[in-house]
C-alpha atoms as a PDB file:
ATOM      1  CA  UNK A   1      -0.070   0.001   0.010  1.00  0.00           C
ATOM      2  CA  UNK A   2       2.711   2.407   0.717  1.00  0.00           C
ATOM      3  CA  UNK A   3       3.791   2.224  -2.941  1.00  0.00           C
ATOM      4  CA  UNK A   4       0.438   2.863  -4.121  1.00  0.00           C
ATOM      5  CA  UNK A   5       0.194   6.118  -2.061  1.00  0.00           C
ATOM      6  CA  UNK A   6       3.588   7.318  -3.303  1.00  0.00           C
ATOM      7  CA  UNK A   7       2.371   6.654  -6.851  1.00  0.00           C
ATOM      8  CA  UNK A   8      -0.807   8.717  -6.161  1.00  0.00           C
ATOM      9  CA  UNK A   9       1.236  11.484  -4.677  1.00  0.00           C
ATOM     10  CA  UNK A  10       3.582  11.563  -7.759  1.00  0.00           C
ATOM     11  CA  UNK A  11       0.834  11.562 -10.136  1.00  0.00           C
ATOM     12  CA  UNK A  12      -1.153  14.387  -8.376  1.00  0.00           C
ATOM     13  CA  UNK A  13       2.215  16.361  -8.279  1.00  0.00           C
ATOM     14  CA  UNK A  14       2.529  15.927 -12.246  1.00  0.00           C
ATOM     15  CA  UNK A  15      -1.163  16.938 -12.714  1.00  0.00           C
ATOM     16  CA  UNK A  16      -0.519  20.085 -10.523  1.00  0.00           C
ATOM     17  CA  UNK A  17       2.752  20.906 -12.425  1.00  0.00           C
ATOM     18  CA  UNK A  18       0.932  20.369 -15.725  1.00  0.00           C
ATOM     19  CA  UNK A  19      -1.900  22.670 -14.559  1.00  0.00           C
ATOM     20  CA  UNK A  20       0.545  25.229 -13.482  1.00  0.00           C
ATOM     21  CA  UNK A  21       2.283  25.092 -16.879  1.00  0.00           C
ATOM     22  CA  UNK A  22      -0.927  25.557 -18.754  1.00  0.00           C
ATOM     23  CA  UNK A  23      -1.914  28.327 -16.500  1.00  0.00           C
ATOM     24  CA  UNK A  24       1.517  30.121 -16.787  1.00  0.00           C
ATOM     25  CA  UNK A  25       1.671  29.702 -20.597  1.00  0.00           C
ATOM     26  CA  UNK A  26      -1.015  32.212 -21.270  1.00  0.00           C
ATOM     27  CA  UNK A  27       0.686  34.542 -18.496  1.00  0.00           C
ATOM     28  CA  UNK A  28       4.124  34.071 -20.172  1.00  0.00           C
ATOM     29  CA  UNK A  29       2.683  34.724 -23.615  1.00  0.00           C
ATOM     30  CA  UNK A  30       0.883  37.765 -22.562  1.00  0.00           C
ATOM     31  CA  UNK A  31       4.296  39.050 -21.047  1.00  0.00           C
ATOM     32  CA  UNK A  32       6.145  38.336 -24.298  1.00  0.00           C
ATOM     33  CA  UNK A  33       3.332  40.016 -26.305  1.00  0.00           C
ATOM     34  CA  UNK A  34       3.601  43.153 -24.022  1.00  0.00           C
ATOM     35  CA  UNK A  35       7.390  43.191 -24.327  1.00  0.00           C
ATOM     36  CA  UNK A  36       7.207  42.956 -28.267  1.00  0.00           C
ATOM     37  CA  UNK A  37       4.569  45.672 -28.312  1.00  0.00           C
ATOM     38  CA  UNK A  38       6.745  47.836 -26.139  1.00  0.00           C
ATOM     39  CA  UNK A  39       9.731  47.278 -28.505  1.00  0.00           C
ATOM     40  CA  UNK A  40       7.631  48.283 -31.396  1.00  0.00           C
ATOM     41  CA  UNK A  41       6.488  51.352 -29.847  1.00  0.00           C
ATOM     42  CA  UNK A  42      10.003  52.302 -28.757  1.00  0.00           C
ATOM     43  CA  UNK A  43      11.269  51.764 -32.304  1.00  0.00           C
ATOM     44  CA  UNK A  44       8.539  53.756 -33.790  1.00  0.00           C
ATOM     45  CA  UNK A  45       9.200  56.646 -31.429  1.00  0.00           C
ATOM     46  CA  UNK A  46      12.899  56.369 -32.211  1.00  0.00           C
ATOM     47  CA  UNK A  47      12.133  56.397 -36.113  1.00  0.00           C
ATOM     48  CA  UNK A  48       9.812  59.506 -35.552  1.00  0.00           C
ATOM     49  CA  UNK A  49      12.272  61.283 -33.624  1.00  0.00           C
ATOM     50  CA  UNK A  50      14.803  60.683 -36.341  1.00  0.00           C
ATOM     51  CA  UNK A  51      12.384  61.873 -39.018  1.00  0.00           C
ATOM     52  CA  UNK A  52      11.645  65.048 -36.844  1.00  0.00           C
ATOM     53  CA  UNK A  53      15.442  65.775 -36.590  1.00  0.00           C
ATOM     54  CA  UNK A  54      15.627  65.375 -40.269  1.00  0.00           C
ATOM     55  CA  UNK A  55      12.696  67.751 -40.826  1.00  0.00           C
ATOM     56  CA  UNK A  56      13.994  70.212 -38.346  1.00  0.00           C
ATOM     57  CA  UNK A  57      17.478  70.361 -39.823  1.00  0.00           C
ATOM     58  CA  UNK A  58      15.884  70.820 -43.449  1.00  0.00           C
ATOM     59  CA  UNK A  59      13.808  73.777 -42.061  1.00  0.00           C
ATOM     60  CA  UNK A  60      16.646  75.191 -40.160  1.00  0.00           C
ATOM     61  CA  UNK A  61      18.996  74.924 -43.184  1.00  0.00           C
ATOM     62  CA  UNK A  62      16.328  76.737 -45.375  1.00  0.00           C
ATOM     63  CA  UNK A  63      16.013  79.437 -42.810  1.00  0.00           C
ATOM     64  CA  UNK A  64      19.736  79.825 -42.425  1.00  0.00           C
ATOM     65  CA  UNK A  65      20.187  79.837 -46.221  1.00  0.00           C
ATOM     66  CA  UNK A  66      17.351  82.503 -46.849  1.00  0.00           C
ATOM     67  CA  UNK A  67      18.918  84.640 -43.890  1.00  0.00           C
ATOM     68  CA  UNK A  68      22.497  84.272 -45.445  1.00  0.00           C
ATOM     69  CA  UNK A  69      21.099  85.149 -48.973  1.00  0.00           C
ATOM     70  CA  UNK A  70      19.320  88.235 -47.526  1.00  0.00           C
ATOM     71  CA  UNK A  71      22.495  89.468 -45.734  1.00  0.00           C
ATOM     72  CA  UNK A  72      24.468  88.795 -48.843  1.00  0.00           C
ATOM     73  CA  UNK A  73      22.038  90.970 -50.937  1.00  0.00           C
ATOM     74  CA  UNK A  74      22.434  93.766 -48.403  1.00  0.00           C
ATOM     75  CA  UNK A  75      26.342  93.530 -48.289  1.00  0.00           C
ATOM     76  CA  UNK A  76      26.807  93.135 -52.204  1.00  0.00           C
ATOM     77  CA  UNK A  77      26.739  96.961 -53.094  1.00  0.00           C
ATOM     78  CA  UNK A  78      29.401  97.670 -50.485  1.00  0.00           C
ATOM     79  CA  UNK A  79      31.525  94.750 -51.696  1.00  0.00           C
ATOM     80  CA  UNK A  80      31.197  95.781 -55.395  1.00  0.00           C
ATOM     81  CA  UNK A  81      32.251  99.438 -54.556  1.00  0.00           C
ATOM     82  CA  UNK A  82      35.230  98.062 -52.354  1.00  0.00           C
ATOM     83  CA  UNK A  83      36.444  96.105 -55.442  1.00  0.00           C
ATOM     84  CA  UNK A  84      35.918  99.042 -57.837  1.00  0.00           C
ATOM     85  CA  UNK A  85      38.014 101.143 -55.558  1.00  0.00           C
ATOM     86  CA  UNK A  86      40.812  98.481 -55.373  1.00  0.00           C
ATOM     87  CA  UNK A  87      40.849  98.148 -59.095  1.00  0.00           C
ATOM     88  CA  UNK A  88      41.117 102.051 -59.690  1.00  0.00           C
ATOM     89  CA  UNK A  89      43.945 101.928 -57.098  1.00  0.00           C
ATOM     90  CA  UNK A  90      45.946  99.106 -58.755  1.00  0.00           C
ATOM     91  CA  UNK A  91      45.411 100.152 -62.282  1.00  0.00           C
ATOM     92  CA  UNK A  92      48.402 102.305 -63.646  1.00  0.00           C
ATOM     93  CA  UNK A  93      47.536 105.712 -65.069  1.00  0.00           C
ATOM     94  CA  UNK A  94      47.103 105.872 -68.905  1.00  0.00           C
ATOM     95  CA  UNK A  95      50.262 107.915 -69.398  1.00  0.00           C
ATOM     96  CA  UNK A  96      52.529 105.193 -67.650  1.00  0.00           C
ATOM     97  CA  UNK A  97      51.652 102.449 -69.847  1.00  0.00           C
ATOM     98  CA  UNK A  98      54.463 100.016 -70.567  1.00  0.00           C
ATOM     99  CA  UNK A  99      56.637 101.231 -73.737  1.00  0.00           C
ATOM    100  CA  UNK A 100      57.789  98.204 -75.753  1.00  0.00           C
ATOM    101  CA  UNK A 101      59.640 100.572 -78.372  1.00  0.00           C
ATOM    102  CA  UNK A 102      62.438 101.089 -75.671  1.00  0.00           C
ATOM    103  CA  UNK A 103      63.466  97.540 -75.984  1.00  0.00           C
ATOM    104  CA  UNK A 104      64.945  96.126 -79.134  1.00  0.00           C
ATOM    105  CA  UNK A 105      64.228  92.457 -79.871  1.00  0.00           C
ATOM    106  CA  UNK A 106      66.700  90.549 -81.739  1.00  0.00           C
ATOM    107  CA  UNK A 107      64.380  88.343 -83.867  1.00  0.00           C
ATOM    108  CA  UNK A 108      67.132  86.998 -86.034  1.00  0.00           C
ATOM    109  CA  UNK A 109      68.429  84.746 -83.230  1.00  0.00           C
ATOM    110  CA  UNK A 110      65.024  83.442 -82.368  1.00  0.00           C
ATOM    111  CA  UNK A 111      65.277  79.614 -82.559  1.00  0.00           C
ATOM    112  CA  UNK A 112      61.829  78.145 -82.982  1.00  0.00           C
ATOM    113  CA  UNK A 113      63.141  74.532 -82.827  1.00  0.00           C
ATOM    114  CA  UNK A 114      64.949  75.025 -79.630  1.00  0.00           C
ATOM    115  CA  UNK A 115      61.922  76.792 -78.019  1.00  0.00           C
ATOM    116  CA  UNK A 116      59.714  73.822 -79.291  1.00  0.00           C
ATOM    117  CA  UNK A 117      62.138  71.266 -77.843  1.00  0.00           C
ATOM    118  CA  UNK A 118      62.302  73.134 -74.345  1.00  0.00           C
ATOM    119  CA  UNK A 119      58.560  73.243 -74.323  1.00  0.00           C
ATOM    120  CA  UNK A 120      58.097  69.555 -75.133  1.00  0.00           C
ATOM    121  CA  UNK A 121      60.733  68.527 -72.474  1.00  0.00           C
ATOM    122  CA  UNK A 122      58.670  70.762 -69.908  1.00  0.00           C
ATOM    123  CA  UNK A 123      55.581  69.020 -70.768  1.00  0.00           C
ATOM    124  CA  UNK A 124      57.028  65.517 -70.832  1.00  0.00           C
ATOM    125  CA  UNK A 125      58.396  66.222 -67.274  1.00  0.00           C
ATOM    126  CA  UNK A 126      54.954  67.448 -66.160  1.00  0.00           C
ATOM    127  CA  UNK A 127      53.334  64.292 -67.540  1.00  0.00           C
ATOM    128  CA  UNK A 128      55.759  62.100 -65.725  1.00  0.00           C
ATOM    129  CA  UNK A 129      55.245  63.899 -62.356  1.00  0.00           C
ATOM    130  CA  UNK A 130      51.466  63.005 -62.590  1.00  0.00           C
ATOM    131  CA  UNK A 131      52.228  59.419 -63.879  1.00  0.00           C
ATOM    132  CA  UNK A 132      51.419  59.740 -67.461  1.00  0.00           C
ATOM    133  CA  UNK A 133      53.452  58.794 -70.597  1.00  0.00           C
ATOM    134  CA  UNK A 134      54.375  60.939 -73.423  1.00  0.00           C
ATOM    135  CA  UNK A 135      53.380  60.450 -77.037  1.00  0.00           C
ATOM    136  CA  UNK A 136      57.073  59.549 -77.996  1.00  0.00           C
ATOM    137  CA  UNK A 137      57.087  56.892 -75.257  1.00  0.00           C
ATOM    138  CA  UNK A 138      53.793  55.439 -76.496  1.00  0.00           C
ATOM    139  CA  UNK A 139      55.157  55.385 -80.039  1.00  0.00           C
ATOM    140  CA  UNK A 140      58.563  53.812 -78.895  1.00  0.00           C
ATOM    141  CA  UNK A 141      56.505  51.076 -77.223  1.00  0.00           C
ATOM    142  CA  UNK A 142      54.435  50.451 -80.362  1.00  0.00           C
ATOM    143  CA  UNK A 143      57.567  50.021 -82.496  1.00  0.00           C
ATOM    144  CA  UNK A 144      58.850  47.574 -79.966  1.00  0.00           C
ATOM    145  CA  UNK A 145      55.499  45.664 -79.980  1.00  0.00           C
ATOM    146  CA  UNK A 146      55.506  45.591 -83.604  1.00  0.00           C
ATOM    147  CA  UNK A 147      59.156  44.126 -83.881  1.00  0.00           C
ATOM    148  CA  UNK A 148      58.027  41.408 -81.361  1.00  0.00           C
ATOM    149  CA  UNK A 149      54.954  40.536 -83.404  1.00  0.00           C
ATOM    150  CA  UNK A 150      57.261  40.400 -86.615  1.00  0.00           C
ATOM    151  CA  UNK A 151      59.783  38.272 -84.926  1.00  0.00           C
ATOM    152  CA  UNK A 152      57.008  35.914 -83.572  1.00  0.00           C
ATOM    153  CA  UNK A 153      54.755  35.747 -86.626  1.00  0.00           C
END
């Protein structure tokens, strides 16, 4: 008989546990549902706060731009006048223009080929500094490739 009572006690404990599990399950489900709903609400509020920040930044930017344009329009005449005054101060008077007739250029010793060669060298140096090749280098490479193609074919 003692074994029978132990079995009855054990089975009544399992029934009680099962009842508490089924009773606890809706409660846990409700808590999870509430937590998910809170997370959704917080996410939405965060998203709306971000959208509000963007909208405020746009409005502020537009207002600031309008204020700067307005201030620029007010300041423009003063700046134009200052530029004109500076130009007039820096321009030499008409009577002091540079007179080229005082200098005699020897056009007989003008060497066009030397000037062109010097210019091409300067251009080649500039192209090399920025990592580009010159036309002569490309043509030399093309000749080498042609020679190689002839020797192979």
